[in-house]
N, C-alpha and C. Protein backbone atom coordinates (compact mmCIF):
# COMPACT_ATOMS: atom_id res chain seq x y z
N MET A 1 -2.72 79.55 -53.09
CA MET A 1 -3.06 78.29 -53.72
C MET A 1 -2.24 77.17 -53.10
N THR A 2 -2.89 76.06 -52.80
CA THR A 2 -2.22 74.92 -52.20
C THR A 2 -1.50 74.12 -53.27
N GLU A 3 -0.26 73.77 -52.98
CA GLU A 3 0.51 72.96 -53.92
C GLU A 3 0.00 71.53 -53.88
N GLN A 4 -0.28 70.96 -55.03
CA GLN A 4 -0.77 69.59 -55.10
C GLN A 4 0.25 68.70 -55.78
N PHE A 5 0.42 67.53 -55.23
CA PHE A 5 1.30 66.55 -55.84
C PHE A 5 0.45 65.51 -56.54
N LEU A 6 0.96 64.95 -57.59
CA LEU A 6 0.26 63.88 -58.29
C LEU A 6 0.66 62.55 -57.68
N TRP A 7 -0.34 61.73 -57.41
CA TRP A 7 -0.10 60.41 -56.86
C TRP A 7 0.10 59.40 -57.97
N LYS A 8 0.90 58.39 -57.68
CA LYS A 8 1.05 57.26 -58.58
C LYS A 8 0.04 56.19 -58.18
N THR A 9 -0.10 55.20 -59.01
CA THR A 9 -1.11 54.14 -58.79
C THR A 9 -0.94 53.45 -57.43
N PRO A 10 0.27 53.08 -57.01
CA PRO A 10 0.39 52.43 -55.68
C PRO A 10 -0.06 53.34 -54.53
N ASP A 11 0.13 54.65 -54.68
CA ASP A 11 -0.31 55.59 -53.65
C ASP A 11 -1.82 55.53 -53.48
N VAL A 12 -2.54 55.48 -54.60
CA VAL A 12 -4.01 55.45 -54.57
C VAL A 12 -4.49 54.11 -54.01
N ALA A 13 -3.85 53.03 -54.40
CA ALA A 13 -4.23 51.71 -53.89
C ALA A 13 -4.09 51.67 -52.37
N GLN A 14 -3.00 52.22 -51.87
CA GLN A 14 -2.78 52.24 -50.42
C GLN A 14 -3.81 53.15 -49.74
N TYR A 15 -4.07 54.31 -50.30
CA TYR A 15 -5.02 55.26 -49.73
C TYR A 15 -6.42 54.66 -49.65
N LEU A 16 -6.83 53.95 -50.70
CA LEU A 16 -8.17 53.36 -50.74
C LEU A 16 -8.23 51.99 -50.07
N GLY A 17 -7.07 51.39 -49.82
CA GLY A 17 -7.04 50.06 -49.20
C GLY A 17 -7.53 48.97 -50.13
N ILE A 18 -7.20 49.10 -51.42
CA ILE A 18 -7.61 48.11 -52.41
C ILE A 18 -6.38 47.62 -53.16
N PRO A 19 -6.48 46.46 -53.81
CA PRO A 19 -5.33 45.95 -54.56
C PRO A 19 -4.93 46.87 -55.72
N LEU A 20 -3.67 46.87 -56.02
CA LEU A 20 -3.14 47.66 -57.12
C LEU A 20 -3.84 47.31 -58.44
N SER A 21 -4.13 46.04 -58.64
CA SER A 21 -4.80 45.61 -59.87
C SER A 21 -6.19 46.25 -60.00
N SER A 22 -6.87 46.47 -58.87
CA SER A 22 -8.19 47.11 -58.92
C SER A 22 -8.08 48.56 -59.37
N VAL A 23 -7.04 49.25 -58.93
CA VAL A 23 -6.85 50.63 -59.36
C VAL A 23 -6.62 50.67 -60.86
N TYR A 24 -5.78 49.77 -61.36
CA TYR A 24 -5.53 49.73 -62.81
C TYR A 24 -6.83 49.46 -63.57
N LYS A 25 -7.64 48.52 -63.08
CA LYS A 25 -8.91 48.21 -63.74
C LYS A 25 -9.85 49.42 -63.75
N MET A 26 -9.83 50.18 -62.65
CA MET A 26 -10.74 51.31 -62.52
C MET A 26 -10.28 52.54 -63.31
N THR A 27 -9.13 52.45 -63.95
CA THR A 27 -8.68 53.53 -64.82
C THR A 27 -8.83 53.15 -66.29
N GLY A 28 -9.31 51.95 -66.54
CA GLY A 28 -9.50 51.50 -67.91
C GLY A 28 -10.66 52.22 -68.58
N ARG A 29 -10.57 52.38 -69.86
CA ARG A 29 -11.59 53.12 -70.61
C ARG A 29 -12.96 52.45 -70.59
N LYS A 30 -13.00 51.14 -70.42
CA LYS A 30 -14.27 50.42 -70.43
C LYS A 30 -14.75 50.04 -69.03
N SER A 31 -14.08 50.52 -68.02
CA SER A 31 -14.45 50.19 -66.65
C SER A 31 -15.81 50.78 -66.30
N ARG A 32 -16.61 50.02 -65.56
CA ARG A 32 -17.92 50.52 -65.14
C ARG A 32 -17.79 51.56 -64.03
N ILE A 33 -16.84 51.36 -63.14
CA ILE A 33 -16.56 52.33 -62.08
C ILE A 33 -15.18 52.90 -62.37
N ARG A 34 -15.13 54.19 -62.68
CA ARG A 34 -13.86 54.80 -63.08
C ARG A 34 -13.35 55.77 -62.03
N LEU A 35 -12.09 55.60 -61.68
CA LEU A 35 -11.41 56.55 -60.81
C LEU A 35 -11.03 57.79 -61.61
N PRO A 36 -11.17 58.97 -61.04
CA PRO A 36 -10.71 60.16 -61.76
C PRO A 36 -9.18 60.13 -61.83
N HIS A 37 -8.66 60.33 -63.02
CA HIS A 37 -7.20 60.25 -63.20
C HIS A 37 -6.77 61.12 -64.36
N ILE A 38 -5.47 61.27 -64.46
CA ILE A 38 -4.85 62.05 -65.52
C ILE A 38 -3.83 61.14 -66.20
N ARG A 39 -3.78 61.18 -67.50
CA ARG A 39 -2.74 60.43 -68.23
C ARG A 39 -1.72 61.43 -68.75
N ILE A 40 -0.47 61.22 -68.36
CA ILE A 40 0.63 62.07 -68.79
C ILE A 40 1.68 61.17 -69.42
N ALA A 41 1.88 61.34 -70.71
CA ALA A 41 2.87 60.54 -71.45
C ALA A 41 2.67 59.04 -71.19
N GLY A 42 1.41 58.61 -71.16
CA GLY A 42 1.10 57.20 -70.97
C GLY A 42 1.09 56.74 -69.52
N LYS A 43 1.45 57.61 -68.60
CA LYS A 43 1.46 57.28 -67.16
C LYS A 43 0.16 57.77 -66.54
N VAL A 44 -0.37 56.98 -65.62
CA VAL A 44 -1.60 57.34 -64.92
C VAL A 44 -1.23 58.03 -63.62
N ARG A 45 -1.81 59.20 -63.38
CA ARG A 45 -1.57 59.97 -62.16
C ARG A 45 -2.90 60.42 -61.59
N PHE A 46 -2.89 60.72 -60.30
CA PHE A 46 -4.12 61.06 -59.58
C PHE A 46 -3.89 62.28 -58.70
N ARG A 47 -4.96 63.05 -58.48
CA ARG A 47 -4.94 64.14 -57.50
C ARG A 47 -5.78 63.71 -56.31
N LYS A 48 -5.27 63.91 -55.11
CA LYS A 48 -5.97 63.50 -53.90
C LYS A 48 -7.35 64.14 -53.82
N ASP A 49 -7.45 65.42 -54.16
CA ASP A 49 -8.76 66.10 -54.11
C ASP A 49 -9.78 65.43 -55.01
N ASP A 50 -9.35 64.99 -56.19
CA ASP A 50 -10.25 64.29 -57.12
C ASP A 50 -10.72 62.97 -56.52
N ILE A 51 -9.80 62.24 -55.90
CA ILE A 51 -10.15 60.94 -55.29
C ILE A 51 -11.12 61.16 -54.13
N ASP A 52 -10.86 62.17 -53.31
CA ASP A 52 -11.76 62.45 -52.18
C ASP A 52 -13.16 62.83 -52.66
N ARG A 53 -13.26 63.65 -53.70
CA ARG A 53 -14.59 64.00 -54.26
C ARG A 53 -15.28 62.76 -54.82
N TRP A 54 -14.52 61.91 -55.47
CA TRP A 54 -15.07 60.68 -56.04
C TRP A 54 -15.62 59.79 -54.91
N LEU A 55 -14.88 59.70 -53.81
CA LEU A 55 -15.34 58.90 -52.67
C LEU A 55 -16.65 59.43 -52.09
N GLU A 56 -16.78 60.75 -52.05
CA GLU A 56 -18.01 61.36 -51.53
C GLU A 56 -19.25 60.91 -52.30
N GLN A 57 -19.08 60.64 -53.57
CA GLN A 57 -20.20 60.19 -54.40
C GLN A 57 -20.74 58.84 -53.95
N PHE A 58 -19.90 58.04 -53.31
CA PHE A 58 -20.29 56.70 -52.89
C PHE A 58 -20.63 56.63 -51.40
N ALA A 59 -20.56 57.76 -50.70
CA ALA A 59 -20.85 57.77 -49.27
C ALA A 59 -22.33 57.49 -49.04
N VAL A 60 -22.60 56.62 -48.08
CA VAL A 60 -23.97 56.29 -47.70
C VAL A 60 -24.18 56.81 -46.29
N THR A 61 -25.16 57.66 -46.12
CA THR A 61 -25.44 58.21 -44.80
C THR A 61 -26.91 58.03 -44.46
N ASN A 62 -27.19 58.01 -43.18
CA ASN A 62 -28.57 57.95 -42.73
C ASN A 62 -28.83 59.04 -41.70
N HIS A 63 -28.13 60.15 -41.82
CA HIS A 63 -28.26 61.25 -40.87
C HIS A 63 -29.68 61.80 -40.85
N SER A 64 -30.40 61.73 -41.95
CA SER A 64 -31.75 62.28 -41.98
C SER A 64 -32.70 61.47 -41.09
N MET A 65 -32.34 60.24 -40.75
CA MET A 65 -33.21 59.40 -39.93
C MET A 65 -32.93 59.57 -38.43
N LEU A 66 -31.80 60.19 -38.09
CA LEU A 66 -31.44 60.36 -36.69
C LEU A 66 -32.05 61.64 -36.13
N PRO A 67 -32.35 61.64 -34.81
CA PRO A 67 -32.81 62.89 -34.20
C PRO A 67 -31.72 63.95 -34.32
N GLU A 68 -32.11 65.20 -34.32
CA GLU A 68 -31.19 66.33 -34.52
C GLU A 68 -29.98 66.26 -33.58
N SER A 69 -30.19 65.99 -32.29
CA SER A 69 -29.10 66.03 -31.32
C SER A 69 -28.11 64.89 -31.52
N SER A 70 -28.57 63.70 -31.86
CA SER A 70 -27.65 62.58 -32.03
C SER A 70 -26.96 62.61 -33.38
N ALA A 71 -27.54 63.28 -34.37
CA ALA A 71 -26.92 63.38 -35.69
C ALA A 71 -25.61 64.13 -35.60
N GLY A 72 -25.55 65.19 -34.82
CA GLY A 72 -24.32 65.96 -34.65
C GLY A 72 -23.24 65.14 -33.98
N LYS A 73 -23.63 64.35 -32.96
CA LYS A 73 -22.65 63.50 -32.27
C LYS A 73 -22.11 62.44 -33.21
N ASP A 74 -22.98 61.88 -34.05
CA ASP A 74 -22.56 60.85 -34.99
C ASP A 74 -21.59 61.43 -36.01
N GLN A 75 -21.85 62.63 -36.48
CA GLN A 75 -20.97 63.27 -37.45
C GLN A 75 -19.61 63.54 -36.84
N GLU A 76 -19.59 63.98 -35.56
CA GLU A 76 -18.32 64.23 -34.89
C GLU A 76 -17.53 62.94 -34.75
N ALA A 77 -18.20 61.85 -34.37
CA ALA A 77 -17.52 60.57 -34.21
C ALA A 77 -16.94 60.10 -35.55
N CYS A 78 -17.71 60.26 -36.63
CA CYS A 78 -17.22 59.85 -37.94
C CYS A 78 -16.01 60.68 -38.35
N GLY A 79 -16.06 61.96 -38.07
CA GLY A 79 -14.96 62.83 -38.44
C GLY A 79 -13.67 62.45 -37.73
N ARG A 80 -13.77 62.07 -36.47
CA ARG A 80 -12.58 61.66 -35.73
C ARG A 80 -12.04 60.34 -36.23
N SER A 81 -12.92 59.41 -36.58
CA SER A 81 -12.44 58.09 -37.00
C SER A 81 -11.78 58.12 -38.36
N LEU A 82 -12.13 59.10 -39.21
CA LEU A 82 -11.56 59.16 -40.55
C LEU A 82 -10.24 59.93 -40.57
N GLN A 83 -9.94 60.66 -39.56
CA GLN A 83 -8.72 61.48 -39.58
C GLN A 83 -7.55 60.80 -38.99
């Protein structure tokens, strides 16, 4: 089993490249777009795996429109740019 660390709010803001205030808003109970989070003794914490799965829900792709051979090249290029 992989050991997971809990992220604090500034860690998530930096990872997503958004303002800290946006992360706080996205953890509010009435927020329209909610980040997956855990509340421990009133503190908000995050798991990287949860954030990554949440991001996948918002991914927009058009791989189905590309020819088979170029779709693989596009996926490889995207994989390199994200790492």
